[in-house]
N, C-alpha and C. Protein backbone atom coordinates (compact mmCIF):
# COMPACT_ATOMS: atom_id res chain seq x y z
N MET A 1 76.64 170.81 -74.51
CA MET A 1 75.26 170.39 -74.29
C MET A 1 75.20 168.87 -74.41
N SER A 2 74.70 168.21 -73.39
CA SER A 2 74.58 166.75 -73.44
C SER A 2 73.28 166.36 -74.13
N ILE A 3 73.27 165.15 -74.65
CA ILE A 3 72.06 164.67 -75.34
C ILE A 3 70.88 164.59 -74.36
N GLU A 4 71.17 164.31 -73.09
CA GLU A 4 70.10 164.23 -72.09
C GLU A 4 69.40 165.57 -71.88
N SER A 5 70.07 166.67 -72.23
CA SER A 5 69.44 167.98 -72.06
C SER A 5 68.26 168.17 -73.02
N TRP A 6 68.16 167.30 -74.04
CA TRP A 6 67.04 167.35 -74.98
C TRP A 6 65.82 166.58 -74.47
N LEU A 7 65.99 165.83 -73.40
CA LEU A 7 64.85 165.09 -72.85
C LEU A 7 63.76 166.08 -72.43
N ASP A 8 62.52 165.72 -72.70
CA ASP A 8 61.34 166.53 -72.40
C ASP A 8 61.29 167.84 -73.19
N HIS A 9 62.13 167.97 -74.19
CA HIS A 9 62.13 169.16 -75.03
C HIS A 9 60.93 169.11 -75.99
N LYS A 10 60.23 170.20 -76.11
CA LYS A 10 59.12 170.28 -77.06
C LYS A 10 59.65 170.92 -78.34
N PHE A 11 59.74 170.09 -79.38
CA PHE A 11 60.27 170.57 -80.65
C PHE A 11 59.23 171.39 -81.40
N GLU A 12 59.67 172.47 -82.00
CA GLU A 12 58.80 173.31 -82.82
C GLU A 12 58.38 172.52 -84.06
N SER A 13 57.11 172.59 -84.39
CA SER A 13 56.60 171.93 -85.59
C SER A 13 56.65 172.92 -86.74
N SER A 14 57.02 172.42 -87.91
CA SER A 14 57.14 173.28 -89.07
C SER A 14 57.04 172.43 -90.33
N CYS A 15 56.70 173.05 -91.44
CA CYS A 15 56.71 172.31 -92.71
C CYS A 15 58.13 172.21 -93.26
N TYR A 16 59.07 172.89 -92.63
CA TYR A 16 60.49 172.82 -92.99
C TYR A 16 61.28 172.31 -91.79
N THR A 17 62.44 171.76 -92.05
CA THR A 17 63.32 171.34 -90.97
C THR A 17 63.81 172.58 -90.24
N THR A 18 63.67 172.59 -88.93
CA THR A 18 64.03 173.76 -88.14
C THR A 18 65.51 173.73 -87.74
N PRO A 19 66.13 174.88 -87.51
CA PRO A 19 67.50 174.91 -87.01
C PRO A 19 67.66 174.13 -85.70
N GLU A 20 66.62 174.17 -84.88
CA GLU A 20 66.61 173.43 -83.62
C GLU A 20 66.76 171.93 -83.88
N PHE A 21 66.03 171.39 -84.85
CA PHE A 21 66.12 169.96 -85.14
C PHE A 21 67.47 169.62 -85.79
N VAL A 22 67.99 170.50 -86.63
CA VAL A 22 69.31 170.29 -87.23
C VAL A 22 70.37 170.18 -86.13
N LEU A 23 70.32 171.06 -85.15
CA LEU A 23 71.26 171.01 -84.02
C LEU A 23 71.10 169.72 -83.24
N PHE A 24 69.86 169.36 -82.94
CA PHE A 24 69.60 168.11 -82.22
C PHE A 24 70.20 166.93 -82.99
N CYS A 25 70.00 166.88 -84.30
CA CYS A 25 70.49 165.76 -85.11
C CYS A 25 72.01 165.66 -85.08
N LYS A 26 72.69 166.77 -85.11
CA LYS A 26 74.16 166.75 -85.02
C LYS A 26 74.60 166.14 -83.70
N GLU A 27 73.96 166.56 -82.63
CA GLU A 27 74.30 166.04 -81.31
C GLU A 27 73.89 164.57 -81.18
N TYR A 28 72.77 164.21 -81.76
CA TYR A 28 72.29 162.83 -81.70
C TYR A 28 73.25 161.90 -82.45
N LYS A 29 73.70 162.32 -83.61
CA LYS A 29 74.63 161.51 -84.39
C LYS A 29 75.94 161.29 -83.63
N LYS A 30 76.46 162.35 -83.02
CA LYS A 30 77.67 162.21 -82.20
C LYS A 30 77.45 161.21 -81.07
N GLU A 31 76.28 161.28 -80.46
CA GLU A 31 75.97 160.38 -79.35
C GLU A 31 75.83 158.94 -79.82
N ILE A 32 75.17 158.73 -80.95
CA ILE A 32 75.04 157.38 -81.50
C ILE A 32 76.44 156.82 -81.78
N LYS A 33 77.30 157.60 -82.40
CA LYS A 33 78.67 157.15 -82.70
C LYS A 33 79.39 156.71 -81.43
N LYS A 34 79.23 157.47 -80.36
CA LYS A 34 79.89 157.13 -79.09
C LYS A 34 79.35 155.83 -78.50
N ARG A 35 78.11 155.50 -78.80
CA ARG A 35 77.46 154.35 -78.18
C ARG A 35 77.47 153.09 -79.06
N LEU A 36 78.12 153.14 -80.19
CA LEU A 36 78.19 151.96 -81.06
C LEU A 36 79.21 150.96 -80.51
N PRO A 37 79.00 149.67 -80.80
CA PRO A 37 80.05 148.71 -80.48
C PRO A 37 81.36 149.12 -81.17
N GLU A 38 82.46 148.75 -80.61
CA GLU A 38 83.78 149.19 -81.08
C GLU A 38 84.04 148.88 -82.55
N ASP A 39 83.53 147.76 -83.05
CA ASP A 39 83.81 147.36 -84.44
C ASP A 39 82.76 147.85 -85.43
N CYS A 40 81.97 148.83 -85.04
CA CYS A 40 80.88 149.33 -85.89
C CYS A 40 81.07 150.78 -86.28
N LYS A 41 80.45 151.13 -87.41
CA LYS A 41 80.44 152.53 -87.85
C LYS A 41 79.13 152.82 -88.57
N ILE A 42 78.78 154.08 -88.60
CA ILE A 42 77.60 154.53 -89.35
C ILE A 42 78.00 154.59 -90.81
N VAL A 43 77.25 153.89 -91.67
CA VAL A 43 77.53 153.91 -93.11
C VAL A 43 76.49 154.71 -93.89
N SER A 44 75.38 155.01 -93.25
CA SER A 44 74.34 155.81 -93.88
C SER A 44 73.56 156.52 -92.78
N TRP A 45 73.36 157.83 -92.93
CA TRP A 45 72.64 158.64 -91.94
C TRP A 45 71.62 159.47 -92.69
N ASN A 46 70.36 159.38 -92.31
CA ASN A 46 69.30 160.12 -92.97
C ASN A 46 68.56 160.99 -91.96
N ARG A 47 68.73 162.30 -92.10
CA ARG A 47 67.94 163.23 -91.29
C ARG A 47 66.72 163.58 -92.10
N GLY A 48 65.60 163.03 -91.69
CA GLY A 48 64.36 163.29 -92.39
C GLY A 48 63.63 164.48 -91.79
N HIS A 49 62.35 164.53 -92.05
CA HIS A 49 61.51 165.61 -91.54
C HIS A 49 61.15 165.30 -90.09
N PHE A 50 62.02 165.66 -89.17
CA PHE A 50 61.86 165.48 -87.73
C PHE A 50 62.01 164.02 -87.29
N TYR A 51 62.73 163.23 -88.05
CA TYR A 51 63.09 161.87 -87.64
C TYR A 51 64.49 161.57 -88.18
N VAL A 52 65.08 160.51 -87.69
CA VAL A 52 66.40 160.09 -88.13
C VAL A 52 66.39 158.59 -88.36
N SER A 53 67.10 158.15 -89.40
CA SER A 53 67.34 156.72 -89.59
C SER A 53 68.80 156.55 -90.00
N ALA A 54 69.32 155.36 -89.78
CA ALA A 54 70.73 155.11 -90.09
C ALA A 54 70.96 153.62 -90.31
N PHE A 55 72.02 153.33 -91.03
CA PHE A 55 72.51 151.97 -91.14
C PHE A 55 73.88 151.91 -90.49
N ILE A 56 74.07 150.88 -89.70
CA ILE A 56 75.31 150.63 -88.98
C ILE A 56 75.91 149.35 -89.55
N LYS A 57 77.22 149.33 -89.73
CA LYS A 57 77.89 148.15 -90.27
C LYS A 57 79.05 147.79 -89.36
N ASN A 58 79.22 146.48 -89.12
CA ASN A 58 80.38 146.05 -88.34
C ASN A 58 81.48 145.57 -89.28
N GLU A 59 82.64 145.26 -88.71
CA GLU A 59 83.80 144.85 -89.51
C GLU A 59 83.56 143.53 -90.25
N ALA A 60 82.63 142.71 -89.77
CA ALA A 60 82.31 141.44 -90.42
C ALA A 60 81.35 141.64 -91.60
N GLY A 61 80.91 142.87 -91.84
CA GLY A 61 80.02 143.16 -92.96
C GLY A 61 78.55 142.97 -92.66
N LYS A 62 78.17 142.86 -91.38
CA LYS A 62 76.76 142.74 -91.01
C LYS A 62 76.20 144.13 -90.72
N TYR A 63 74.89 144.28 -91.01
CA TYR A 63 74.23 145.58 -90.89
C TYR A 63 73.10 145.56 -89.86
N VAL A 64 72.91 146.73 -89.29
CA VAL A 64 71.76 147.01 -88.43
C VAL A 64 71.16 148.33 -88.91
N TYR A 65 69.83 148.36 -88.95
CA TYR A 65 69.10 149.58 -89.28
C TYR A 65 68.56 150.15 -87.98
N LEU A 66 68.63 151.46 -87.81
CA LEU A 66 67.99 152.07 -86.64
C LEU A 66 67.18 153.27 -87.09
N SER A 67 66.14 153.54 -86.33
CA SER A 67 65.24 154.64 -86.65
C SER A 67 64.61 155.17 -85.37
N MET A 68 64.47 156.48 -85.32
CA MET A 68 63.74 157.08 -84.21
C MET A 68 62.51 157.77 -84.77
N PRO A 69 61.42 157.78 -84.01
CA PRO A 69 60.18 158.39 -84.50
C PRO A 69 60.27 159.92 -84.52
N ASP A 70 59.27 160.52 -85.12
CA ASP A 70 59.14 161.97 -85.21
C ASP A 70 59.21 162.59 -83.80
N VAL A 71 60.18 163.45 -83.59
CA VAL A 71 60.40 164.03 -82.26
C VAL A 71 59.30 165.00 -81.84
N ARG A 72 58.51 165.49 -82.78
CA ARG A 72 57.44 166.44 -82.43
C ARG A 72 56.27 165.74 -81.75
N TYR A 73 56.03 164.49 -82.12
CA TYR A 73 54.83 163.80 -81.62
C TYR A 73 55.14 162.65 -80.68
N SER A 74 56.40 162.32 -80.54
CA SER A 74 56.80 161.21 -79.68
C SER A 74 57.89 161.69 -78.73
N PRO A 75 57.53 162.49 -77.74
CA PRO A 75 58.53 163.04 -76.83
C PRO A 75 59.36 161.93 -76.17
N ASN A 76 60.65 162.12 -76.19
CA ASN A 76 61.62 161.22 -75.55
C ASN A 76 61.71 159.84 -76.17
N GLU A 77 60.95 159.57 -77.22
CA GLU A 77 61.06 158.26 -77.88
C GLU A 77 62.41 158.12 -78.57
N TRP A 78 63.01 159.22 -78.97
CA TRP A 78 64.36 159.19 -79.56
C TRP A 78 65.37 158.65 -78.55
N PHE A 79 65.04 158.70 -77.28
CA PHE A 79 65.91 158.20 -76.21
C PHE A 79 65.44 156.85 -75.70
N ASN A 80 64.13 156.67 -75.58
CA ASN A 80 63.57 155.49 -74.92
C ASN A 80 63.10 154.37 -75.83
N SER A 81 62.94 154.63 -77.13
CA SER A 81 62.36 153.60 -78.00
C SER A 81 62.90 153.72 -79.43
N ILE A 82 64.16 153.37 -79.59
CA ILE A 82 64.81 153.43 -80.89
C ILE A 82 64.59 152.09 -81.59
N LEU A 83 64.04 152.13 -82.78
CA LEU A 83 63.85 150.91 -83.56
C LEU A 83 65.21 150.41 -84.04
N VAL A 84 65.51 149.14 -83.79
CA VAL A 84 66.73 148.52 -84.31
C VAL A 84 66.36 147.15 -84.87
N ARG A 85 66.97 146.81 -86.00
CA ARG A 85 66.75 145.50 -86.59
C ARG A 85 67.90 145.18 -87.53
N THR A 86 68.07 143.92 -87.80
CA THR A 86 69.12 143.51 -88.73
C THR A 86 68.72 143.93 -90.14
N ALA A 87 69.73 144.05 -90.99
CA ALA A 87 69.50 144.40 -92.39
C ALA A 87 70.52 143.64 -93.24
N GLN A 88 70.19 143.41 -94.50
CA GLN A 88 71.09 142.71 -95.41
C GLN A 88 72.13 143.65 -96.03
N HIS A 89 71.77 144.94 -96.16
CA HIS A 89 72.65 145.93 -96.78
C HIS A 89 72.14 147.31 -96.37
N GLU A 90 72.81 148.35 -96.81
CA GLU A 90 72.45 149.69 -96.37
C GLU A 90 71.28 150.34 -97.11
N LYS A 91 70.54 149.54 -97.86
CA LYS A 91 69.30 150.01 -98.48
C LYS A 91 68.13 149.09 -98.10
N ASP A 92 68.36 148.20 -97.14
CA ASP A 92 67.36 147.22 -96.72
C ASP A 92 66.47 147.83 -95.63
N TYR A 93 65.38 148.46 -96.04
CA TYR A 93 64.49 149.11 -95.09
C TYR A 93 63.45 148.16 -94.50
N THR A 94 63.38 146.93 -94.97
CA THR A 94 62.43 145.97 -94.42
C THR A 94 63.09 145.06 -93.40
N GLY A 95 64.30 144.61 -93.65
CA GLY A 95 65.14 143.90 -92.70
C GLY A 95 64.48 142.84 -91.84
N GLY A 96 65.12 142.58 -90.70
CA GLY A 96 64.67 141.56 -89.75
C GLY A 96 63.53 142.06 -88.88
N SER A 97 63.29 141.33 -87.81
CA SER A 97 62.21 141.67 -86.88
C SER A 97 62.51 142.97 -86.14
N ASN A 98 61.46 143.75 -85.92
CA ASN A 98 61.62 145.00 -85.19
C ASN A 98 61.93 144.73 -83.73
N CYS A 99 62.93 145.41 -83.21
CA CYS A 99 63.28 145.40 -81.80
C CYS A 99 63.41 146.86 -81.40
N TYR A 100 63.30 147.12 -80.13
CA TYR A 100 63.41 148.50 -79.65
C TYR A 100 64.44 148.57 -78.55
N SER A 101 65.13 149.70 -78.50
CA SER A 101 66.20 149.90 -77.54
C SER A 101 66.14 151.30 -76.97
N THR A 102 66.59 151.43 -75.75
CA THR A 102 66.84 152.76 -75.21
C THR A 102 68.20 153.20 -75.70
N LEU A 103 68.47 154.47 -75.64
CA LEU A 103 69.78 154.97 -76.02
C LEU A 103 70.85 154.38 -75.10
N ASP A 104 70.53 154.25 -73.83
CA ASP A 104 71.48 153.69 -72.87
C ASP A 104 71.86 152.24 -73.18
N ASN A 105 70.95 151.47 -73.77
CA ASN A 105 71.21 150.06 -74.08
C ASN A 105 71.53 149.81 -75.55
N LEU A 106 71.70 150.87 -76.31
CA LEU A 106 71.87 150.74 -77.75
C LEU A 106 73.10 149.89 -78.11
N GLN A 107 74.22 150.15 -77.49
CA GLN A 107 75.44 149.40 -77.81
C GLN A 107 75.23 147.90 -77.59
N ARG A 108 74.69 147.56 -76.46
CA ARG A 108 74.45 146.15 -76.13
C ARG A 108 73.48 145.50 -77.11
N ASN A 109 72.40 146.22 -77.46
CA ASN A 109 71.39 145.65 -78.35
C ASN A 109 71.89 145.52 -79.79
N ILE A 110 72.65 146.49 -80.27
CA ILE A 110 73.23 146.38 -81.61
C ILE A 110 74.22 145.21 -81.63
N ASP A 111 75.04 145.13 -80.62
CA ASP A 111 76.01 144.04 -80.54
C ASP A 111 75.30 142.69 -80.56
N PHE A 112 74.22 142.56 -79.81
CA PHE A 112 73.45 141.32 -79.77
C PHE A 112 72.90 140.97 -81.16
N LEU A 113 72.31 141.95 -81.85
CA LEU A 113 71.75 141.69 -83.18
C LEU A 113 72.83 141.29 -84.18
N LEU A 114 73.98 141.91 -84.10
CA LEU A 114 75.05 141.60 -85.05
C LEU A 114 75.71 140.27 -84.76
N ARG A 115 75.63 139.80 -83.55
CA ARG A 115 76.26 138.52 -83.19
C ARG A 115 75.31 137.35 -83.29
N SER A 116 74.02 137.63 -83.47
CA SER A 116 73.01 136.55 -83.53
C SER A 116 73.06 135.81 -84.84
């Protein structure tokens, strides 16, 4: 199943995390890993209540925070509008200025933030 197959998917709403969202998150994490710049890795991954956030670190020790909105209320935003910003460390949730990226441009945008 490709990550694009989740586009336009209507996620079930629940007061608990659904098996459907757990499956989506596994596939999303694999996809994020594939799209990272070569010298980067995920150092923190948080599957929240229908949202995901993560910290990415490069070999030079610089961090980027990324977050996608709640998939139940923001269809396709997990693909089209991923929040990315610089961070000082893997607990820095305030970080630099908010920027947004599509999944297709994520590698380029993370690379740009880490090199700036």
